[in-house]
Amino acid sequence: MDKIAVLIPCYNEEKTIAKVVKDAKAALPEAVIYVYDNNSKDRTVEFAREAGAQIRYEYKQGKGNVIRRMFREIEAECYIMVDGDDTYPMEYAREMADKVLNHNADMVVGDRLSSTYFTENKRPFHNFGNSIVRSSINKLFNCDIKDIMTGYRAFSYGFVKTFPVLSTGFEIETEMTIHAVYNNMQIENVIVDYRDRPEGSESKLNTFSDGFRVIGTIVKLYRDYKPFGFFGLCAAVLAVIAIAMFIPILFAYLETGLVLRFPTLFCCGFIGLAAVQSFFAGLILSNMALKNRRDFEYRYALVNRRVQQEEK
């Protein structure tokens, strides 16, 4: 088992990968540097190997798929994950690793948004999207995470080996954050500088398509992790619609003694029934989610016990 493993997912990063690997070796001389290539069509692999990285491959396209492969294959006490585009200075890696190894952090977030991100990043929709995602997750999950979408993070062995990677693309960072928050893991924050990509290096993130996927991921995870909140909200909306449609029928009946719009009345009844079903579905799924949390705590304890045995 490695003491520290630096994980670098890469797709067509020949302009920057050698510098990232060399910076990582300088910042963490004892670390093993792993570059996972995701079907690059340029000289990324060649330059990374020359810089001293160990090369591995993931042939299913998408950052989420790469991270799934990394987490399955690499055994380390501390993992540092960083993008291969040289937007994150590696001098913060030591502080991030220290929080995992010596302060029991499960995940350390490299916080760009509290430093230079909004001035360095030249894509205004990315700035807006990061702010929206951060505020929505903090509100929905009652937390205070400073940067949701950052690709610069450190993880404990326990986090990596218990994190179920479901996403395939750039929404993976959102999934990681919500998983850690929901399971009450220790999350630390390290403010890091951010620099825009160098000339000739292109972002693989599509502002709109990937942005909608991130929003969809937030909704799905809120449904899965907090089902009573999700289905309770659905029940409340349906109940309001049913009541709003029923009130004119009730007033007409009080005035005339007749039900003048039976189709609307039937519709109100079905919508009200759907509201009741949604409410009880939320209750049932909430109990199931609680059981899943208990099962997770048991699995997490087993994983941590393995780390302690390795250290002995």
Foldseek 3Di string as FASTA:
>chain_A
DAAEEEEEEDAQQLVFQLVVLLQLCVQPVRYAYEYEYAPHPDCNVVSNVVSPHHYHYDPDDAPLSSLLVVLVPDDYQKYKFAYRQPFFRNNCVVVQSCCVPPVVAAKEDAAAPVDCCVPADPDVLVVVLQVVLQVVCCVLLVHHDRGQQHRTMMGGNLLSVLQDRDDGHSLRSNSSVNVCSLLVGHYHYDYTHTHDGDPPDDDPDDSPPVSVVNVVVVLVVSCQQQVLVNLLVVLVVLLVVLVVLCVVQVVVCVVPVDRPDVVSNVVSVVSNVSSVVSNVVSVVSNVVSVVVSVVSVVVSVVSVVVVVVVVD
